[in-house]
Structure formats: C-alpha cells, structure tokens
Amino acid sequence: MPGETSLVLRLDSGVSLPGSGPLHIAVEVCAPRQASLGPSPVVLVCLPGGGMNRRFFDLMPGGDAASDISFSFARQMAGRGFIVVFVDHLGVGESDRPEDGYLLTPEVLVQANQRVLEHVLAGLRAGSLLAELPPLPELVSIGVGHSMGAMLTLLQQAAYHPHAGLALLGFSTRGMPEYLIPEAKALAADTQAVRAELVRLAKATFVVPYPEVKPSPQSNSLFAGAAAEARGVEAIKAARDKMLPVTAFMSMLPGNVAPEAAQIDVPLFLALGERDIAGPTHQIPAAFPKSRDLSLHILPETGHSHFLFPARTGLFNRLGGWARLVASGV
C-alpha cells in the first residue's frame, strides 16, 4: 500500500468453547505513515455485518493494491490520516471457527472482540504494534460497525465503554421482523423472554450452525441493488462468508438491542442508505436518547452495502470529519 503500512495478526480471543481449544481472531491493521496522523491520532475499529468477513472494509476489485481502492473503507480512511483496524468475528474469515456455531452468542463475540481490542490499542499506544508508528498514548478509539457488526459494536460499548464515539452503518433497533418465525414474533415484545430463548430460536430459524446467504436476486437486492457499481459488486464476493446464527437472529428481532442503545452516551454517527433495510431513517436516532451529539447521514440512491455506491465518497468525507471532531473533544 503506497504511503500506508499494514499488518495482519492472529490474537488470542480469551475464549475457549466445548470441543475447541483457545480460539484466535484475525485482525488487520491499515495505517498511514506517521506524518499523516495529525495532532489527534484516531483508530477506527471496524466490525463486519452478518454474512460478511473483514474484507467488507477493504473491497478491492482485482484483489490487489494495484487495483481501484475507491471501494475500500480501510484504504480510503488511512489516506485521510486514520488508523483502521478491521476484525474477523470468531467463526468467519480467518478467525477460528468452532464446530458448533450456536455457541457463538452475542456475549461470547463481544467478550472476544473486547479482548482483542484491548491488545491492539495497548500495542498502538505503546508503539509496539507497528514498527513504522511511534507510541500514540493519546490515541482515540472510535467503533465502526456495519449492520450486525454495528449491533455488536453497540453491545461492546454498553458493556465495556472502549470507544470515544460510535459510527453505526446500516443499523437500527427495528430489526427485520418480516423474516422472523411466528414464535419469535410472539416473544419479541418481551426482551428478557426472547433473549433467554435466543439459541433455541436461532436453531429453529437457521437449522444449520453456519448458514450461508446464497447469491440470488433477493440477496443481491438485500445487500446492494441495481444502482450498485459493478466493480464493487465483484469485489464484495471476497467478503461473503458464513452467518453467525444466534447473533444474526438477535439482529432480526424488533427492539433487538434497544436497552443497550438507550445507554449509549458517546457521540454517534448514523449512516443509512436511502434504500437501506433498517426502516424509516429519521426515526432511528430516537433509540439513542442519552447521546447529546448525534449525526444522521443518509446516502442518496444507496442500498445496504454502502461502499458499493457512488455516495460512498461523501460518507468517507463526512465520517472522517466527524471522527476528527470527536477526537478533538469539540
């Protein structure tokens, strides 16, 4: 990557599950050279959504650095002076995949992601993670998540408070009730009851421990749409992966993480495509009553996979400007 430095790590997640030893998570770090970091260094910590691995944040038509980088969130944001960390959840990408995918509950994934985040942040702040970067003791961390990854970012913030701000892309607490089985719809209004039954209901919904969203006109419409750029659609094939059924099921529930969303008190950047799947866009901020600094960015003519559409450049610019304000404490 000209003008940038990168590193792929496999880190101990701190999680061991029945039938498996210690599980490791794959993490990639993409950073600008020191001179580009600016006075308030910021790391964007990115979690992909359901059916995607970390490549979602580094979409590269042709698959190499010589190709078009306009679809790559990681490279675009590194070019704007941000350190970008993008993560494969346990069970997807290059992270370890336990045999029983139903054991990867939201709690397990949040715990694992927090352990890895602490390691990465400690290394960046001490100057021991990337030889090209000096110690960054004042480094500010911002959580970035897309879809189900936004839900997990939100849950991690509610549990551990690691980030100074959150950028949630293509997410709302509305869920996708139209895809729920009847029993789940009946229980959905009772948060405690439905959470107690998450694993059982996920098994009834998905049947197999690592379901896969097969390419089809319906799935293509769900993730992209006719206005998506062909080179981006080609690039996202490398990001397609297995689903994590329990967490995917939770994200489908109406009011999925509403109690945790109501606790979030850091600045928020909410980005939705005009043709997204998260419901009426202007109703979404109401789920975050404690955040006193909330930005809503709607991408015109854009579906759920925001980086495939021409409006992505505006998203990169707006998110970058917002992140700088968060880091500066303005």
Protein backbone atom coordinates (compact mmCIF):
# COMPACT_ATOMS: atom_id res chain seq x y z
CA MET A 1 0.00 0.00 0.00
CA PRO A 2 1.83 3.11 -1.14
CA GLY A 3 2.01 5.67 1.67
CA GLU A 4 0.46 3.19 4.12
CA THR A 5 1.56 0.31 6.30
CA SER A 6 -0.41 -2.82 7.15
CA LEU A 7 -0.27 -5.85 9.38
CA VAL A 8 -2.38 -8.99 9.85
CA LEU A 9 -2.47 -10.53 13.33
CA ARG A 10 -3.97 -13.65 14.88
CA LEU A 11 -4.74 -12.88 18.50
CA ASP A 12 -5.97 -14.95 21.43
CA SER A 13 -9.64 -14.13 21.92
CA GLY A 14 -9.63 -15.29 25.53
CA VAL A 15 -12.49 -17.64 24.63
CA SER A 16 -12.48 -21.44 24.83
CA LEU A 17 -15.63 -23.35 23.96
CA PRO A 18 -16.66 -27.00 24.43
CA GLY A 19 -14.98 -29.07 21.74
CA SER A 20 -12.35 -26.47 20.95
CA GLY A 21 -9.17 -25.10 22.46
CA PRO A 22 -8.35 -21.42 22.78
CA LEU A 23 -9.84 -19.53 19.84
CA HIS A 24 -7.98 -16.91 17.85
CA ILE A 25 -9.24 -13.87 15.97
CA ALA A 26 -7.78 -12.46 12.76
CA VAL A 27 -7.25 -8.70 12.86
CA GLU A 28 -5.89 -6.44 10.14
CA VAL A 29 -4.36 -3.01 10.76
CA CYS A 30 -4.03 -0.43 7.99
CA ALA A 31 -2.29 2.80 8.96
CA PRO A 32 -0.92 5.94 7.33
CA ARG A 33 2.69 6.88 7.81
CA GLN A 34 3.45 8.89 10.94
CA ALA A 35 3.41 12.27 9.19
CA SER A 36 -0.22 11.78 8.12
CA LEU A 37 -1.68 11.05 11.56
CA GLY A 38 -2.24 14.64 12.59
CA PRO A 39 -2.21 16.07 16.12
CA SER A 40 -5.04 13.87 17.44
CA PRO A 41 -4.47 10.30 16.23
CA VAL A 42 -7.63 8.22 15.75
CA VAL A 43 -8.15 4.50 15.26
CA LEU A 44 -11.35 3.27 13.60
CA VAL A 45 -12.19 -0.25 14.83
CA CYS A 46 -14.43 -1.96 12.29
CA LEU A 47 -16.77 -4.96 12.70
CA PRO A 48 -18.49 -6.50 9.63
CA GLY A 49 -22.12 -7.49 9.41
CA GLY A 50 -23.83 -10.84 9.02
CA GLY A 51 -22.67 -12.98 6.12
CA MET A 52 -19.50 -10.88 5.72
CA ASN A 53 -15.89 -11.09 6.88
CA ARG A 54 -13.40 -8.27 7.45
CA ARG A 55 -12.80 -7.90 3.70
CA PHE A 56 -16.04 -5.88 3.65
CA PHE A 57 -13.93 -2.96 4.86
CA ASP A 58 -11.27 -3.48 2.19
CA LEU A 59 -13.16 -4.13 -1.04
CA MET A 60 -10.62 -4.40 -3.85
CA PRO A 61 -11.71 -5.20 -7.42
CA GLY A 62 -8.95 -7.42 -8.76
CA GLY A 63 -7.84 -8.22 -5.23
CA ASP A 64 -4.55 -6.33 -5.05
CA ALA A 65 -3.16 -2.91 -4.20
CA ALA A 66 -2.73 -2.00 -7.86
CA SER A 67 -6.47 -2.05 -8.42
CA ASP A 68 -9.15 0.54 -7.69
CA ILE A 69 -9.11 1.50 -3.99
CA SER A 70 -12.22 3.67 -4.18
CA PHE A 71 -14.40 0.93 -2.63
CA SER A 72 -12.03 0.22 0.29
CA PHE A 73 -13.10 1.91 3.52
CA ALA A 74 -9.79 0.95 5.15
CA ARG A 75 -7.56 2.45 2.46
CA GLN A 76 -9.74 5.50 1.95
CA MET A 77 -9.70 6.31 5.65
CA ALA A 78 -5.98 5.55 6.01
CA GLY A 79 -5.46 8.00 3.17
CA ARG A 80 -7.32 10.57 5.28
CA GLY A 81 -4.95 10.02 8.21
CA PHE A 82 -6.77 7.38 10.26
CA ILE A 83 -5.51 4.06 11.59
CA VAL A 84 -8.07 1.41 10.60
CA VAL A 85 -8.45 -1.93 12.39
CA PHE A 86 -10.85 -4.46 10.86
CA VAL A 87 -11.77 -7.70 12.51
CA ASP A 88 -12.99 -11.17 11.57
CA HIS A 89 -15.51 -12.26 14.19
CA LEU A 90 -14.96 -15.72 15.61
CA GLY A 91 -16.49 -18.16 13.13
CA VAL A 92 -15.81 -16.14 9.97
CA GLY A 93 -12.91 -15.21 7.70
CA GLU A 94 -9.51 -16.21 9.03
CA SER A 95 -10.63 -16.40 12.66
CA ASP A 96 -11.09 -19.78 14.31
CA ARG A 97 -14.42 -21.47 13.69
CA PRO A 98 -15.71 -23.79 16.45
CA GLU A 99 -17.73 -26.72 15.20
CA ASP A 100 -20.89 -25.58 16.96
CA GLY A 101 -21.74 -22.14 15.62
CA TYR A 102 -24.63 -21.82 18.08
CA LEU A 103 -22.08 -21.36 20.87
CA LEU A 104 -21.05 -18.03 19.34
CA THR A 105 -23.61 -15.95 21.18
CA PRO A 106 -23.52 -12.14 21.20
CA GLU A 107 -21.98 -12.24 24.69
CA VAL A 108 -19.15 -14.52 23.52
CA LEU A 109 -18.41 -12.39 20.46
CA VAL A 110 -18.42 -9.14 22.45
CA GLN A 111 -16.08 -10.62 25.05
CA ALA A 112 -13.70 -11.88 22.36
CA ASN A 113 -13.74 -8.62 20.41
CA GLN A 114 -13.06 -6.61 23.56
CA ARG A 115 -10.06 -8.78 24.47
CA VAL A 116 -8.58 -8.29 21.01
CA LEU A 117 -9.34 -4.56 21.01
CA GLU A 118 -7.51 -4.10 24.31
CA HIS A 119 -4.44 -5.85 22.87
CA VAL A 120 -4.43 -3.73 19.70
CA LEU A 121 -4.98 -0.44 21.49
CA ALA A 122 -2.27 -1.21 24.04
CA GLY A 123 0.17 -2.01 21.23
CA LEU A 124 -0.62 1.15 19.28
CA ARG A 125 -0.41 3.36 22.36
CA ALA A 126 2.91 1.79 23.40
CA GLY A 127 4.35 1.88 19.88
CA SER A 128 4.93 -1.88 19.82
CA LEU A 129 2.33 -2.97 17.26
CA LEU A 130 3.65 -1.34 14.08
CA ALA A 131 7.33 -0.55 13.71
CA GLU A 132 6.51 2.36 11.40
CA LEU A 133 4.45 4.17 14.05
CA PRO A 134 5.69 5.85 17.25
CA PRO A 135 3.95 5.43 20.60
CA LEU A 136 0.50 7.02 20.46
CA PRO A 137 -0.52 7.44 24.12
CA GLU A 138 -3.28 9.93 23.21
CA LEU A 139 -4.85 7.63 20.60
CA VAL A 140 -8.65 7.93 20.43
CA SER A 141 -10.68 4.84 19.54
CA ILE A 142 -13.93 5.02 17.55
CA GLY A 143 -16.08 1.95 16.93
CA VAL A 144 -17.35 1.41 13.40
CA GLY A 145 -19.82 -1.35 12.63
CA HIS A 146 -21.98 -2.30 9.67
CA SER A 147 -25.38 -3.96 10.17
CA MET A 148 -24.95 -6.87 12.62
CA GLY A 149 -21.42 -5.58 13.25
CA ALA A 150 -22.95 -2.25 14.31
CA MET A 151 -25.13 -4.14 16.77
CA LEU A 152 -22.08 -5.89 18.22
CA THR A 153 -20.18 -2.59 18.38
CA LEU A 154 -23.09 -1.10 20.31
CA LEU A 155 -23.23 -4.07 22.71
CA GLN A 156 -19.47 -3.85 23.28
CA GLN A 157 -19.76 -0.14 24.07
CA ALA A 158 -22.60 -0.72 26.52
CA ALA A 159 -20.63 -3.45 28.31
CA TYR A 160 -17.06 -2.06 28.29
CA HIS A 161 -17.13 1.62 27.12
CA PRO A 162 -13.97 1.32 24.98
CA HIS A 163 -14.72 4.00 22.36
CA ALA A 164 -14.97 7.79 22.36
CA GLY A 165 -17.66 7.60 19.67
CA LEU A 166 -19.57 5.11 17.50
CA ALA A 167 -20.23 5.12 13.76
CA LEU A 168 -23.11 2.73 13.09
CA LEU A 169 -23.72 1.96 9.42
CA GLY A 170 -26.91 0.38 8.07
CA PHE A 171 -28.32 -0.40 11.51
CA SER A 172 -31.41 0.28 13.59
CA THR A 173 -33.14 -1.32 16.54
CA ARG A 174 -36.14 -2.02 14.26
CA GLY A 175 -34.73 -5.44 13.31
CA MET A 176 -36.24 -7.38 10.43
CA PRO A 177 -39.48 -8.77 11.91
CA GLU A 178 -40.75 -9.76 8.46
CA TYR A 179 -38.17 -12.60 8.43
CA LEU A 180 -38.99 -14.00 11.89
CA ILE A 181 -40.70 -17.31 12.58
CA PRO A 182 -44.11 -16.94 14.30
CA GLU A 183 -42.87 -17.96 17.76
CA ALA A 184 -40.13 -15.35 17.66
CA LYS A 185 -42.62 -12.67 16.63
CA ALA A 186 -44.83 -13.60 19.55
CA LEU A 187 -41.95 -13.37 22.06
CA ALA A 188 -40.23 -10.32 20.60
CA ALA A 189 -42.02 -7.76 22.75
CA ASP A 190 -40.61 -9.32 25.93
CA THR A 191 -36.86 -8.62 25.83
CA GLN A 192 -35.96 -10.89 28.74
CA ALA A 193 -38.04 -13.80 27.47
CA VAL A 194 -36.75 -13.69 23.91
CA ARG A 195 -33.12 -13.32 24.99
CA ALA A 196 -33.44 -16.35 27.21
CA GLU A 197 -34.52 -18.31 24.13
CA LEU A 198 -32.04 -16.86 21.60
CA VAL A 199 -30.15 -20.08 20.89
CA ARG A 200 -33.25 -22.27 20.61
CA LEU A 201 -35.00 -19.81 18.34
CA ALA A 202 -31.86 -19.33 16.23
CA LYS A 203 -31.71 -23.10 15.71
CA ALA A 204 -35.35 -23.15 14.66
CA THR A 205 -34.73 -20.25 12.26
CA PHE A 206 -31.46 -21.27 10.61
CA VAL A 207 -31.36 -25.09 11.15
CA VAL A 208 -27.59 -25.35 10.46
CA PRO A 209 -24.81 -23.93 12.70
CA TYR A 210 -23.21 -21.80 9.95
CA PRO A 211 -25.89 -20.79 7.43
CA GLU A 212 -24.92 -19.11 4.20
CA VAL A 213 -26.74 -16.44 2.22
CA LYS A 214 -26.59 -17.77 -1.32
CA PRO A 215 -26.24 -15.26 -4.16
CA SER A 216 -29.68 -14.73 -5.64
CA PRO A 217 -31.77 -11.83 -6.98
CA GLN A 218 -33.27 -11.48 -3.48
CA SER A 219 -29.93 -11.48 -1.62
CA ASN A 220 -28.33 -9.18 -4.18
CA SER A 221 -31.22 -6.76 -3.73
CA LEU A 222 -30.88 -7.04 0.06
CA PHE A 223 -27.17 -6.17 0.15
CA ALA A 224 -26.85 -3.92 -2.89
CA GLY A 225 -29.37 -3.17 -5.62
CA ALA A 226 -29.43 -2.06 -9.21
CA ALA A 227 -27.57 1.21 -8.51
CA ALA A 228 -24.50 -0.56 -7.06
CA GLU A 229 -21.34 -0.26 -9.13
CA ALA A 230 -20.38 -3.48 -10.94
CA ARG A 231 -16.74 -3.40 -9.80
CA GLY A 232 -17.84 -3.08 -6.19
CA VAL A 233 -20.32 -5.95 -6.56
CA GLU A 234 -17.48 -8.07 -7.93
CA ALA A 235 -15.19 -7.08 -5.06
CA ILE A 236 -17.71 -7.90 -2.33
CA LYS A 237 -17.68 -11.57 -3.36
CA ALA A 238 -14.40 -11.94 -1.44
CA ALA A 239 -16.15 -10.62 1.69
CA ARG A 240 -19.07 -13.07 1.62
CA ASP A 241 -18.93 -15.58 4.45
CA LYS A 242 -20.98 -17.79 6.75
CA MET A 243 -23.65 -16.35 9.03
CA LEU A 244 -23.37 -16.49 12.81
CA PRO A 245 -26.90 -17.70 13.54
CA VAL A 246 -27.51 -16.58 17.12
CA THR A 247 -26.23 -13.05 16.58
CA ALA A 248 -27.90 -12.78 13.17
CA PHE A 249 -31.17 -13.88 14.75
CA MET A 250 -30.81 -11.28 17.50
CA SER A 251 -30.25 -8.56 14.92
CA MET A 252 -33.54 -9.52 13.23
CA LEU A 253 -35.61 -9.01 16.39
CA PRO A 254 -37.63 -5.80 16.71
CA GLY A 255 -36.06 -3.90 19.60
CA ASN A 256 -33.00 -6.18 19.29
CA VAL A 257 -30.62 -4.11 21.47
CA ALA A 258 -32.92 -1.24 22.43
CA PRO A 259 -32.00 -1.40 26.17
CA GLU A 260 -28.28 -1.08 25.35
CA ALA A 261 -28.87 1.60 22.70
CA ALA A 262 -30.66 3.70 25.32
CA GLN A 263 -27.47 3.62 27.45
CA ILE A 264 -25.09 4.96 24.80
CA ASP A 265 -23.88 8.42 25.80
CA VAL A 266 -20.95 9.00 23.43
CA PRO A 267 -21.17 10.87 20.10
CA LEU A 268 -22.90 8.88 17.37
CA PHE A 269 -22.66 8.91 13.59
CA LEU A 270 -25.55 7.04 11.99
CA ALA A 271 -25.26 6.31 8.27
CA LEU A 272 -28.13 4.80 6.28
CA GLY A 273 -28.64 4.26 2.60
CA GLU A 274 -31.71 5.86 1.08
CA ARG A 275 -32.65 2.30 0.01
CA ASP A 276 -31.37 0.58 3.14
CA ILE A 277 -33.15 -2.17 5.09
CA ALA A 278 -33.17 -0.52 8.53
CA GLY A 279 -36.58 1.12 8.32
CA PRO A 280 -37.57 4.82 8.28
CA THR A 281 -34.25 6.63 8.61
CA HIS A 282 -35.42 9.68 10.55
CA GLN A 283 -36.93 7.51 13.29
CA ILE A 284 -33.65 5.75 14.07
CA PRO A 285 -32.00 8.46 16.26
CA ALA A 286 -34.83 8.19 18.80
CA ALA A 287 -33.30 4.90 20.02
CA PHE A 288 -30.32 6.82 21.46
CA PRO A 289 -31.77 9.30 23.98
CA LYS A 290 -28.56 9.69 26.04
CA SER A 291 -26.28 10.74 23.18
CA ARG A 292 -26.05 14.54 23.13
CA ASP A 293 -24.09 14.56 19.85
CA LEU A 294 -25.79 12.62 17.08
CA SER A 295 -25.25 12.94 13.32
CA LEU A 296 -27.53 11.29 10.76
CA HIS A 297 -26.09 10.86 7.27
CA ILE A 298 -28.35 9.47 4.53
CA LEU A 299 -26.62 8.26 1.38
CA PRO A 300 -28.66 9.02 -1.75
CA GLU A 301 -29.57 6.19 -4.13
CA THR A 302 -27.75 3.74 -1.84
CA GLY A 303 -28.61 0.24 -0.61
CA HIS A 304 -27.44 -1.67 2.45
CA SER A 305 -23.80 -2.27 1.41
CA HIS A 306 -22.88 1.41 1.37
CA PHE A 307 -19.38 1.07 -0.07
CA LEU A 308 -20.68 -0.24 -3.41
CA PHE A 309 -22.43 3.01 -4.31
CA PRO A 310 -21.21 6.37 -5.67
CA ALA A 311 -22.31 8.14 -2.46
CA ARG A 312 -19.54 6.34 -0.54
CA THR A 313 -17.11 9.22 -1.12
CA GLY A 314 -19.45 11.58 0.71
CA LEU A 315 -19.72 9.01 3.52
CA PHE A 316 -15.94 8.73 3.86
CA ASN A 317 -15.57 12.51 3.98
CA ARG A 318 -18.40 13.08 6.45
CA LEU A 319 -17.39 10.24 8.75
CA GLY A 320 -13.77 11.41 8.70
CA GLY A 321 -14.71 14.99 9.58
CA TRP A 322 -16.98 13.79 12.38
CA ALA A 323 -14.28 11.49 13.80
CA ARG A 324 -11.79 14.37 13.91
CA LEU A 325 -14.27 16.44 15.91
CA VAL A 326 -14.82 13.58 18.34
CA ALA A 327 -11.05 13.15 18.79
CA SER A 328 -10.56 16.85 19.42
CA GLY A 329 -13.30 16.91 22.04
CA VAL A 330 -15.29 19.57 20.20
